[in-house]
Amino acid sequence: LAAARDATPDHEVDAAITRFREGGALAAVLRRIEQEAEAALGCSGLPQEPGLRDLAAELVEVTLAPIVHLYPAGPNSHG
């Protein structure tokens, strides 16, 4: 990971991706992201502010969209 991407052979990148997935790092990162999303949506003041709750839910959805394919069964529903 120290070398620039364009200077790193594809097989080394693939090996790093495999280690990240198989070593549990990807699952741990996805769990952490999910916890942070749940914490953001679980703020005590949100139920009293429907507009803010909707905005927070949309922000979580937009933030997760680029990585949703990494979740084996999809992320928890935040809607």
Protein backbone atom coordinates (compact mmCIF):
# COMPACT_ATOMS: atom_id res chain seq x y z
CA LEU A 1 0.00 0.00 0.00
CA ALA A 2 3.01 2.29 0.16
CA ALA A 3 3.51 2.47 -3.60
CA ALA A 4 1.42 4.61 -5.92
CA ARG A 5 -1.48 2.68 -7.48
CA ASP A 6 -0.16 3.10 -11.01
CA ALA A 7 3.18 1.67 -9.86
CA THR A 8 1.59 -1.38 -8.21
CA PRO A 9 0.97 -4.50 -10.28
CA ASP A 10 -2.66 -5.62 -10.47
CA HIS A 11 -1.87 -8.97 -8.84
CA GLU A 12 -0.52 -7.15 -5.76
CA VAL A 13 -3.65 -4.98 -5.56
CA ASP A 14 -5.83 -8.08 -5.90
CA ALA A 15 -3.85 -9.83 -3.16
CA ALA A 16 -4.29 -6.85 -0.82
CA ILE A 17 -8.04 -6.77 -1.51
CA THR A 18 -8.26 -10.50 -0.79
CA ARG A 19 -6.35 -10.13 2.50
CA PHE A 20 -8.59 -7.21 3.50
CA ARG A 21 -11.75 -9.24 2.82
CA GLU A 22 -10.61 -12.63 4.11
CA GLY A 23 -8.83 -11.22 7.14
CA GLY A 24 -12.03 -9.66 8.44
CA ALA A 25 -11.02 -6.04 8.01
CA LEU A 26 -13.74 -5.32 5.46
CA ALA A 27 -16.45 -6.82 7.68
CA ALA A 28 -15.17 -4.81 10.65
CA VAL A 29 -15.17 -1.56 8.68
CA LEU A 30 -18.68 -2.21 7.37
CA ARG A 31 -19.91 -2.92 10.93
CA ARG A 32 -18.35 0.33 12.12
CA ILE A 33 -19.97 2.30 9.31
CA GLU A 34 -23.32 0.70 10.14
CA GLN A 35 -22.91 1.56 13.84
CA GLU A 36 -22.14 5.18 13.00
CA ALA A 37 -25.15 5.40 10.69
CA GLU A 38 -27.41 3.92 13.37
CA ALA A 39 -26.02 6.33 15.96
CA ALA A 40 -26.63 9.30 13.68
CA LEU A 41 -30.22 8.22 13.07
CA GLY A 42 -30.76 7.35 16.72
CA CYS A 43 -30.13 10.84 18.08
CA SER A 44 -32.75 11.64 20.71
CA GLY A 45 -33.89 14.90 19.10
CA LEU A 46 -34.66 13.49 15.65
CA PRO A 47 -38.16 12.16 16.37
CA GLN A 48 -39.27 15.68 17.31
CA GLU A 49 -37.84 17.11 14.08
CA PRO A 50 -39.23 15.12 11.12
CA GLY A 51 -37.51 17.30 8.54
CA LEU A 52 -34.14 16.85 10.19
CA ARG A 53 -34.79 13.10 10.59
CA ASP A 54 -35.57 12.83 6.87
CA LEU A 55 -32.43 14.80 6.01
CA ALA A 56 -30.30 12.56 8.23
CA ALA A 57 -31.81 9.43 6.67
CA GLU A 58 -31.15 10.76 3.17
CA LEU A 59 -27.57 11.66 4.09
CA VAL A 60 -26.97 8.14 5.41
CA GLU A 61 -28.49 6.66 2.24
CA VAL A 62 -26.37 8.84 -0.06
CA THR A 63 -23.26 8.10 1.98
CA LEU A 64 -23.79 4.32 1.87
CA ALA A 65 -24.78 4.19 -1.82
CA PRO A 66 -21.22 3.86 -3.20
CA ILE A 67 -20.44 0.92 -0.91
CA VAL A 68 -23.80 -0.85 -0.70
CA HIS A 69 -22.49 -3.63 -2.95
CA LEU A 70 -19.94 -4.54 -0.27
CA TYR A 71 -22.63 -5.62 2.18
CA PRO A 72 -23.33 -9.35 1.71
CA ALA A 73 -27.06 -8.97 2.42
CA GLY A 74 -27.32 -5.19 2.11
CA PRO A 75 -26.95 -2.67 4.93
CA ASN A 76 -29.65 -2.35 7.57
CA SER A 77 -32.65 -0.32 6.48
CA HIS A 78 -32.37 3.31 7.53
CA GLY A 79 -35.58 4.61 5.97
